[in-house]
Amino acid sequence: MIFRSKVDRFFIIMLLVVIFSMGLVTLGPLFIEKERTILPSIIMSTIFILCTSFFAWITFGIKYVFTDEYLLVKGGPFHSKIRYENITKVAKTTDIFTGFRLLTSKSAIEIFYMTASLGSVKISPQNAELFLIELENRISKRGKNNN
């Protein structure tokens, strides 16, 4: 079962601010210079396109995949495999700016697990209630299989 990340207005605005800032830094100097040459224009435009594509890939490619053995939390090149038996606590959170997070919404769920390098991961599935029910079912099913 696959859940996509919920995207709220706050993160859209934040992403647009980041893209606009990158545009100012990479493309702005091209408009200030009186004499433009082709090579710097190509290099700076390429940097802008690559950075923007990378941020879009990370932001809009976030998904949470339930497998038989683990929950895969993936966003761009970043991912985490969370084995169900390693999950110690699941809680709703509003603290979205610290820790390991693959989310695009201010309403988030924090999953604490034993093998986490930062102690937990924060996620924001589109249908949080259905996600929590599925996660609870997978955890309880793994617990019964281990006994």
N, C-alpha and C. Protein backbone atom coordinates (compact mmCIF):
# COMPACT_ATOMS: atom_id res chain seq x y z
N MET A 1 0.85 -1.17 0.00
CA MET A 1 0.00 0.00 0.00
C MET A 1 0.90 1.24 0.00
N ILE A 2 0.57 2.20 -0.84
CA ILE A 2 1.38 3.41 -0.98
C ILE A 2 0.57 4.64 -0.58
N PHE A 3 1.18 5.48 0.24
CA PHE A 3 0.58 6.76 0.62
C PHE A 3 1.49 7.87 0.11
N ARG A 4 0.91 8.88 -0.47
CA ARG A 4 1.66 10.07 -0.88
C ARG A 4 1.65 11.08 0.26
N SER A 5 2.60 12.00 0.19
CA SER A 5 2.69 13.03 1.22
C SER A 5 1.65 14.12 0.97
N LYS A 6 1.04 14.56 2.05
CA LYS A 6 0.10 15.67 1.98
C LYS A 6 0.90 16.95 1.74
N VAL A 7 0.47 17.77 0.78
CA VAL A 7 1.16 19.02 0.48
C VAL A 7 0.23 20.17 0.87
N ASP A 8 0.66 21.00 1.82
CA ASP A 8 -0.18 22.12 2.19
C ASP A 8 0.38 23.43 1.65
N ARG A 9 -0.40 24.46 1.80
CA ARG A 9 -0.07 25.78 1.25
C ARG A 9 1.26 26.32 1.79
N PHE A 10 1.52 26.08 3.06
CA PHE A 10 2.75 26.55 3.69
C PHE A 10 3.98 26.05 2.94
N PHE A 11 3.99 24.76 2.59
CA PHE A 11 5.16 24.20 1.92
C PHE A 11 5.25 24.64 0.46
N ILE A 12 4.11 24.87 -0.18
CA ILE A 12 4.14 25.39 -1.55
C ILE A 12 4.78 26.78 -1.53
N ILE A 13 4.37 27.62 -0.60
CA ILE A 13 4.94 28.97 -0.49
C ILE A 13 6.42 28.89 -0.16
N MET A 14 6.79 28.00 0.76
CA MET A 14 8.19 27.84 1.13
C MET A 14 9.03 27.39 -0.08
N LEU A 15 8.52 26.45 -0.85
CA LEU A 15 9.23 25.98 -2.04
C LEU A 15 9.37 27.09 -3.07
N LEU A 16 8.33 27.89 -3.26
CA LEU A 16 8.40 29.00 -4.21
C LEU A 16 9.43 30.05 -3.76
N VAL A 17 9.51 30.30 -2.46
CA VAL A 17 10.51 31.24 -1.94
C VAL A 17 11.92 30.71 -2.19
N VAL A 18 12.13 29.41 -1.97
CA VAL A 18 13.44 28.80 -2.21
C VAL A 18 13.80 28.88 -3.69
N ILE A 19 12.85 28.57 -4.57
CA ILE A 19 13.12 28.62 -6.02
C ILE A 19 13.39 30.05 -6.45
N PHE A 20 12.62 31.01 -5.93
CA PHE A 20 12.84 32.41 -6.27
C PHE A 20 14.23 32.87 -5.80
N SER A 21 14.61 32.46 -4.59
CA SER A 21 15.94 32.82 -4.06
C SER A 21 17.05 32.22 -4.91
N MET A 22 16.88 30.96 -5.30
CA MET A 22 17.89 30.33 -6.16
C MET A 22 17.96 31.04 -7.51
N GLY A 23 16.81 31.47 -8.01
CA GLY A 23 16.79 32.21 -9.26
C GLY A 23 17.53 33.53 -9.15
N LEU A 24 17.35 34.23 -8.03
CA LEU A 24 18.07 35.49 -7.82
C LEU A 24 19.58 35.27 -7.76
N VAL A 25 19.98 34.21 -7.06
CA VAL A 25 21.41 33.95 -6.89
C VAL A 25 22.06 33.48 -8.18
N THR A 26 21.37 32.60 -8.91
CA THR A 26 22.00 32.03 -10.11
C THR A 26 21.75 32.84 -11.37
N LEU A 27 20.55 33.37 -11.54
CA LEU A 27 20.23 34.08 -12.78
C LEU A 27 20.34 35.59 -12.64
N GLY A 28 20.22 36.10 -11.41
CA GLY A 28 20.29 37.55 -11.19
C GLY A 28 21.55 38.20 -11.74
N PRO A 29 22.73 37.65 -11.48
CA PRO A 29 23.96 38.26 -11.99
C PRO A 29 24.00 38.36 -13.52
N LEU A 30 23.30 37.48 -14.19
CA LEU A 30 23.29 37.53 -15.66
C LEU A 30 22.60 38.79 -16.17
N PHE A 31 21.65 39.30 -15.40
CA PHE A 31 20.93 40.50 -15.82
C PHE A 31 21.62 41.78 -15.36
N ILE A 32 22.51 41.67 -14.38
CA ILE A 32 23.24 42.83 -13.89
C ILE A 32 24.43 43.16 -14.79
N GLU A 33 25.09 42.12 -15.27
CA GLU A 33 26.27 42.31 -16.13
C GLU A 33 25.88 43.01 -17.43
N LYS A 34 26.70 43.97 -17.82
CA LYS A 34 26.44 44.69 -19.07
C LYS A 34 26.83 43.86 -20.28
N GLU A 35 27.95 43.16 -20.16
CA GLU A 35 28.41 42.32 -21.26
C GLU A 35 28.18 40.86 -20.88
N ARG A 36 27.22 40.24 -21.54
CA ARG A 36 26.91 38.84 -21.27
C ARG A 36 27.61 37.95 -22.27
N THR A 37 28.22 36.90 -21.76
CA THR A 37 28.78 35.89 -22.65
C THR A 37 27.96 34.61 -22.49
N ILE A 38 28.04 33.76 -23.47
CA ILE A 38 27.18 32.58 -23.52
C ILE A 38 27.52 31.54 -22.46
N LEU A 39 28.81 31.31 -22.20
CA LEU A 39 29.22 30.25 -21.27
C LEU A 39 28.69 30.48 -19.85
N PRO A 40 28.89 31.65 -19.25
CA PRO A 40 28.32 31.86 -17.90
C PRO A 40 26.79 31.74 -17.88
N SER A 41 26.14 32.18 -18.94
CA SER A 41 24.68 32.07 -19.02
C SER A 41 24.24 30.62 -19.01
N ILE A 42 24.94 29.78 -19.76
CA ILE A 42 24.60 28.35 -19.82
C ILE A 42 24.87 27.70 -18.46
N ILE A 43 26.02 28.00 -17.87
CA ILE A 43 26.38 27.40 -16.58
C ILE A 43 25.39 27.79 -15.49
N MET A 44 25.09 29.06 -15.37
CA MET A 44 24.18 29.52 -14.31
C MET A 44 22.75 29.01 -14.53
N SER A 45 22.31 28.99 -15.78
CA SER A 45 20.97 28.46 -16.09
C SER A 45 20.88 26.98 -15.76
N THR A 46 21.94 26.24 -16.08
CA THR A 46 21.98 24.81 -15.78
C THR A 46 21.95 24.56 -14.28
N ILE A 47 22.71 25.34 -13.53
CA ILE A 47 22.71 25.22 -12.06
C ILE A 47 21.31 25.48 -11.51
N PHE A 48 20.65 26.52 -12.02
CA PHE A 48 19.29 26.83 -11.56
C PHE A 48 18.32 25.69 -11.86
N ILE A 49 18.37 25.17 -13.08
CA ILE A 49 17.47 24.08 -13.48
C ILE A 49 17.72 22.82 -12.66
N LEU A 50 19.00 22.48 -12.46
CA LEU A 50 19.32 21.28 -11.68
C LEU A 50 18.88 21.41 -10.22
N CYS A 51 19.14 22.56 -9.62
CA CYS A 51 18.74 22.77 -8.21
C CYS A 51 17.22 22.76 -8.06
N THR A 52 16.52 23.43 -8.97
CA THR A 52 15.06 23.46 -8.92
C THR A 52 14.48 22.06 -9.11
N SER A 53 15.03 21.32 -10.05
CA SER A 53 14.56 19.94 -10.30
C SER A 53 14.80 19.06 -9.08
N PHE A 54 15.95 19.22 -8.44
CA PHE A 54 16.28 18.43 -7.25
C PHE A 54 15.29 18.72 -6.12
N PHE A 55 15.02 19.99 -5.86
CA PHE A 55 14.06 20.35 -4.80
C PHE A 55 12.66 19.85 -5.13
N ALA A 56 12.25 19.94 -6.40
CA ALA A 56 10.93 19.45 -6.79
C ALA A 56 10.85 17.93 -6.64
N TRP A 57 11.93 17.23 -7.00
CA TRP A 57 11.97 15.76 -6.87
C TRP A 57 11.82 15.35 -5.41
N ILE A 58 12.57 16.02 -4.55
CA ILE A 58 12.49 15.71 -3.12
C ILE A 58 11.09 16.02 -2.58
N THR A 59 10.55 17.18 -2.94
CA THR A 59 9.28 17.63 -2.38
C THR A 59 8.09 16.83 -2.89
N PHE A 60 7.99 16.65 -4.19
CA PHE A 60 6.81 16.02 -4.76
C PHE A 60 6.97 14.52 -4.98
N GLY A 61 8.14 13.98 -4.68
CA GLY A 61 8.36 12.55 -4.83
C GLY A 61 8.27 11.79 -3.52
N ILE A 62 7.82 12.45 -2.48
CA ILE A 62 7.72 11.79 -1.17
C ILE A 62 6.59 10.77 -1.18
N LYS A 63 6.92 9.56 -0.73
CA LYS A 63 5.89 8.54 -0.60
C LYS A 63 6.25 7.60 0.55
N TYR A 64 5.22 6.97 1.06
CA TYR A 64 5.36 6.04 2.18
C TYR A 64 4.77 4.71 1.72
N VAL A 65 5.61 3.68 1.67
CA VAL A 65 5.21 2.39 1.10
C VAL A 65 5.20 1.32 2.19
N PHE A 66 4.06 0.67 2.37
CA PHE A 66 3.96 -0.46 3.29
C PHE A 66 4.35 -1.73 2.54
N THR A 67 5.34 -2.44 3.05
CA THR A 67 5.69 -3.75 2.53
C THR A 67 5.39 -4.77 3.63
N ASP A 68 5.63 -6.04 3.34
CA ASP A 68 5.36 -7.07 4.35
C ASP A 68 6.28 -6.94 5.57
N GLU A 69 7.52 -6.53 5.35
CA GLU A 69 8.53 -6.51 6.41
C GLU A 69 8.75 -5.13 7.05
N TYR A 70 8.56 -4.06 6.27
CA TYR A 70 8.93 -2.73 6.75
C TYR A 70 8.12 -1.64 6.07
N LEU A 71 8.20 -0.45 6.65
CA LEU A 71 7.63 0.76 6.07
C LEU A 71 8.77 1.50 5.38
N LEU A 72 8.63 1.77 4.09
CA LEU A 72 9.63 2.51 3.33
C LEU A 72 9.18 3.95 3.25
N VAL A 73 9.99 4.85 3.79
CA VAL A 73 9.73 6.28 3.75
C VAL A 73 10.73 6.85 2.75
N LYS A 74 10.23 7.40 1.62
CA LYS A 74 11.13 7.79 0.53
C LYS A 74 10.79 9.17 0.01
N GLY A 75 11.83 9.98 -0.20
CA GLY A 75 11.69 11.29 -0.79
C GLY A 75 12.93 11.63 -1.58
N GLY A 76 12.85 11.58 -2.91
CA GLY A 76 14.04 11.81 -3.73
C GLY A 76 15.08 10.75 -3.44
N PRO A 77 16.33 11.15 -3.22
CA PRO A 77 17.37 10.17 -2.95
C PRO A 77 17.40 9.70 -1.48
N PHE A 78 16.59 10.30 -0.64
CA PHE A 78 16.58 9.97 0.78
C PHE A 78 15.50 8.94 1.07
N HIS A 79 15.86 7.93 1.85
CA HIS A 79 14.88 6.92 2.21
C HIS A 79 15.25 6.28 3.54
N SER A 80 14.25 5.67 4.12
CA SER A 80 14.45 4.97 5.38
C SER A 80 13.54 3.75 5.41
N LYS A 81 14.13 2.60 5.72
CA LYS A 81 13.36 1.36 5.87
C LYS A 81 13.14 1.14 7.36
N ILE A 82 11.89 1.17 7.76
CA ILE A 82 11.56 1.03 9.18
C ILE A 82 10.85 -0.31 9.38
N ARG A 83 11.54 -1.22 10.00
CA ARG A 83 10.94 -2.54 10.28
C ARG A 83 9.86 -2.34 11.34
N TYR A 84 8.73 -3.00 11.14
CA TYR A 84 7.59 -2.82 12.03
C TYR A 84 7.92 -3.17 13.48
N GLU A 85 8.72 -4.20 13.68
CA GLU A 85 9.04 -4.61 15.06
C GLU A 85 9.97 -3.61 15.76
N ASN A 86 10.61 -2.70 14.99
CA ASN A 86 11.49 -1.70 15.59
C ASN A 86 10.76 -0.42 16.00
N ILE A 87 9.50 -0.29 15.61
CA ILE A 87 8.73 0.92 15.94
C ILE A 87 8.36 0.88 17.42
N THR A 88 8.73 1.95 18.13
CA THR A 88 8.47 2.01 19.57
C THR A 88 7.32 2.95 19.92
N LYS A 89 7.08 3.96 19.08
CA LYS A 89 6.04 4.94 19.39
C LYS A 89 5.65 5.67 18.11
N VAL A 90 4.37 6.02 18.01
CA VAL A 90 3.85 6.81 16.90
C VAL A 90 3.01 7.93 17.51
N ALA A 91 3.30 9.18 17.13
CA ALA A 91 2.57 10.30 17.71
C ALA A 91 2.41 11.42 16.69
N LYS A 92 1.33 12.18 16.82
CA LYS A 92 1.16 13.36 15.98
C LYS A 92 2.07 14.46 16.52
N THR A 93 2.57 15.30 15.61
CA THR A 93 3.49 16.36 16.01
C THR A 93 3.27 17.62 15.17
N THR A 94 3.64 18.75 15.75
CA THR A 94 3.64 20.01 15.01
C THR A 94 5.07 20.54 14.86
N ASP A 95 6.03 19.85 15.45
CA ASP A 95 7.44 20.23 15.36
C ASP A 95 8.01 19.66 14.06
N ILE A 96 7.93 20.45 12.99
CA ILE A 96 8.32 19.94 11.67
C ILE A 96 9.67 20.46 11.19
N PHE A 97 10.35 21.24 11.99
CA PHE A 97 11.60 21.84 11.52
C PHE A 97 12.85 21.17 12.06
N THR A 98 12.71 20.20 12.95
CA THR A 98 13.89 19.53 13.50
C THR A 98 13.81 18.04 13.22
N GLY A 99 14.97 17.40 13.22
CA GLY A 99 15.03 15.96 13.05
C GLY A 99 14.96 15.53 11.60
N PHE A 100 14.91 14.22 11.40
CA PHE A 100 14.80 13.63 10.07
C PHE A 100 13.34 13.70 9.66
N ARG A 101 13.06 14.38 8.58
CA ARG A 101 11.67 14.55 8.17
C ARG A 101 11.54 14.45 6.66
N LEU A 102 10.56 13.72 6.23
CA LEU A 102 10.18 13.62 4.82
C LEU A 102 8.69 13.94 4.76
N LEU A 103 8.41 15.24 4.77
CA LEU A 103 7.04 15.69 4.83
C LEU A 103 6.87 17.00 4.08
N THR A 104 5.61 17.30 3.74
CA THR A 104 5.29 18.55 3.06
C THR A 104 4.01 19.15 3.63
N SER A 105 3.82 18.99 4.92
CA SER A 105 2.65 19.53 5.59
C SER A 105 2.99 19.83 7.04
N LYS A 106 2.27 20.80 7.60
CA LYS A 106 2.49 21.13 9.01
C LYS A 106 1.84 20.13 9.95
N SER A 107 0.86 19.38 9.46
CA SER A 107 0.27 18.32 10.30
C SER A 107 1.03 17.03 10.01
N ALA A 108 1.78 16.58 11.00
CA ALA A 108 2.70 15.46 10.77
C ALA A 108 2.54 14.36 11.81
N ILE A 109 3.13 13.23 11.47
CA ILE A 109 3.19 12.07 12.36
C ILE A 109 4.66 11.78 12.59
N GLU A 110 5.02 11.55 13.84
CA GLU A 110 6.40 11.20 14.16
C GLU A 110 6.46 9.73 14.54
N ILE A 111 7.33 9.00 13.85
CA ILE A 111 7.50 7.57 14.12
C ILE A 111 8.85 7.37 14.78
N PHE A 112 8.83 6.90 16.01
CA PHE A 112 10.05 6.59 16.74
C PHE A 112 10.37 5.12 16.52
N TYR A 113 11.64 4.84 16.23
CA TYR A 113 12.03 3.44 16.05
C TYR A 113 13.47 3.24 16.49
N MET A 114 13.78 2.02 16.86
CA MET A 114 15.06 1.70 17.52
C MET A 114 16.29 1.94 16.66
N THR A 115 16.19 1.78 15.36
CA THR A 115 17.37 1.89 14.49
C THR A 115 17.52 3.27 13.86
N ALA A 116 16.73 4.24 14.29
CA ALA A 116 16.78 5.59 13.71
C ALA A 116 18.04 6.32 14.14
N SER A 117 18.72 6.93 13.18
CA SER A 117 19.94 7.67 13.52
C SER A 117 19.62 8.93 14.33
N LEU A 118 18.47 9.54 14.07
CA LEU A 118 18.06 10.73 14.82
C LEU A 118 16.91 10.43 15.78
N GLY A 119 16.61 9.17 15.99
CA GLY A 119 15.58 8.78 16.95
C GLY A 119 14.20 8.59 16.36
N SER A 120 13.91 9.34 15.28
CA SER A 120 12.57 9.24 14.70
C SER A 120 12.58 9.80 13.28
N VAL A 121 11.45 9.64 12.61
CA VAL A 121 11.23 10.25 11.31
C VAL A 121 9.86 10.91 11.36
N LYS A 122 9.75 12.09 10.74
CA LYS A 122 8.48 12.81 10.71
C LYS A 122 7.94 12.75 9.29
N ILE A 123 6.66 12.37 9.18
CA ILE A 123 6.03 12.20 7.88
C ILE A 123 4.66 12.87 7.88
N SER A 124 4.09 13.05 6.68
CA SER A 124 2.77 13.68 6.57
C SER A 124 1.95 13.00 5.47
N PRO A 125 1.42 11.81 5.73
CA PRO A 125 0.62 11.14 4.70
C PRO A 125 -0.68 11.88 4.42
N GLN A 126 -1.18 11.76 3.17
CA GLN A 126 -2.41 12.46 2.79
C GLN A 126 -3.58 12.07 3.67
N ASN A 127 -3.79 10.81 3.86
CA ASN A 127 -4.88 10.34 4.72
C ASN A 127 -4.27 9.77 6.00
N ALA A 128 -4.02 10.63 6.96
CA ALA A 128 -3.29 10.25 8.18
C ALA A 128 -4.02 9.16 8.97
N GLU A 129 -5.34 9.25 9.06
CA GLU A 129 -6.09 8.27 9.85
C GLU A 129 -5.99 6.88 9.24
N LEU A 130 -6.16 6.78 7.93
CA LEU A 130 -6.03 5.49 7.25
C LEU A 130 -4.60 4.96 7.36
N PHE A 131 -3.63 5.86 7.25
CA PHE A 131 -2.23 5.48 7.39
C PHE A 131 -1.97 4.88 8.78
N LEU A 132 -2.46 5.55 9.81
CA LEU A 132 -2.25 5.07 11.19
C LEU A 132 -2.93 3.71 11.43
N ILE A 133 -4.11 3.53 10.85
CA ILE A 133 -4.80 2.24 10.98
C ILE A 133 -3.98 1.14 10.31
N GLU A 134 -3.49 1.42 9.10
CA GLU A 134 -2.68 0.43 8.38
C GLU A 134 -1.39 0.13 9.14
N LEU A 135 -0.75 1.16 9.66
CA LEU A 135 0.49 0.97 10.42
C LEU A 135 0.23 0.13 11.67
N GLU A 136 -0.83 0.44 12.38
CA GLU A 136 -1.18 -0.33 13.58
C GLU A 136 -1.44 -1.80 13.24
N ASN A 137 -2.15 -2.03 12.13
CA ASN A 137 -2.41 -3.41 11.70
C ASN A 137 -1.11 -4.15 11.38
N ARG A 138 -0.19 -3.48 10.70
CA ARG A 138 1.08 -4.11 10.33
C ARG A 138 1.93 -4.40 11.57
N ILE A 139 1.94 -3.47 12.51
CA ILE A 139 2.72 -3.66 13.74
C ILE A 139 2.15 -4.82 14.54
N SER A 140 0.82 -4.85 14.72
CA SER A 140 0.22 -5.93 15.52
C SER A 140 0.36 -7.28 14.81
N LYS A 141 0.29 -7.29 13.50
CA LYS A 141 0.46 -8.53 12.74
C LYS A 141 1.88 -9.07 12.90
N ARG A 142 2.88 -8.20 12.85
CA ARG A 142 4.27 -8.61 13.03
C ARG A 142 4.49 -9.11 14.46
N GLY A 143 3.84 -8.46 15.42
CA GLY A 143 3.97 -8.89 16.81
C GLY A 143 3.43 -10.29 17.03
N LYS A 144 2.31 -10.61 16.38
CA LYS A 144 1.72 -11.94 16.51
C LYS A 144 2.60 -12.99 15.83
N ASN A 145 3.21 -12.62 14.69
CA ASN A 145 4.07 -13.56 13.96
C ASN A 145 5.36 -13.86 14.71
N ASN A 146 5.84 -12.91 15.51
CA ASN A 146 7.10 -13.10 16.24
C ASN A 146 6.92 -13.92 17.52
N ASN A 147 5.68 -14.04 18.01
CA ASN A 147 5.44 -14.79 19.25
C ASN A 147 5.27 -16.26 19.00
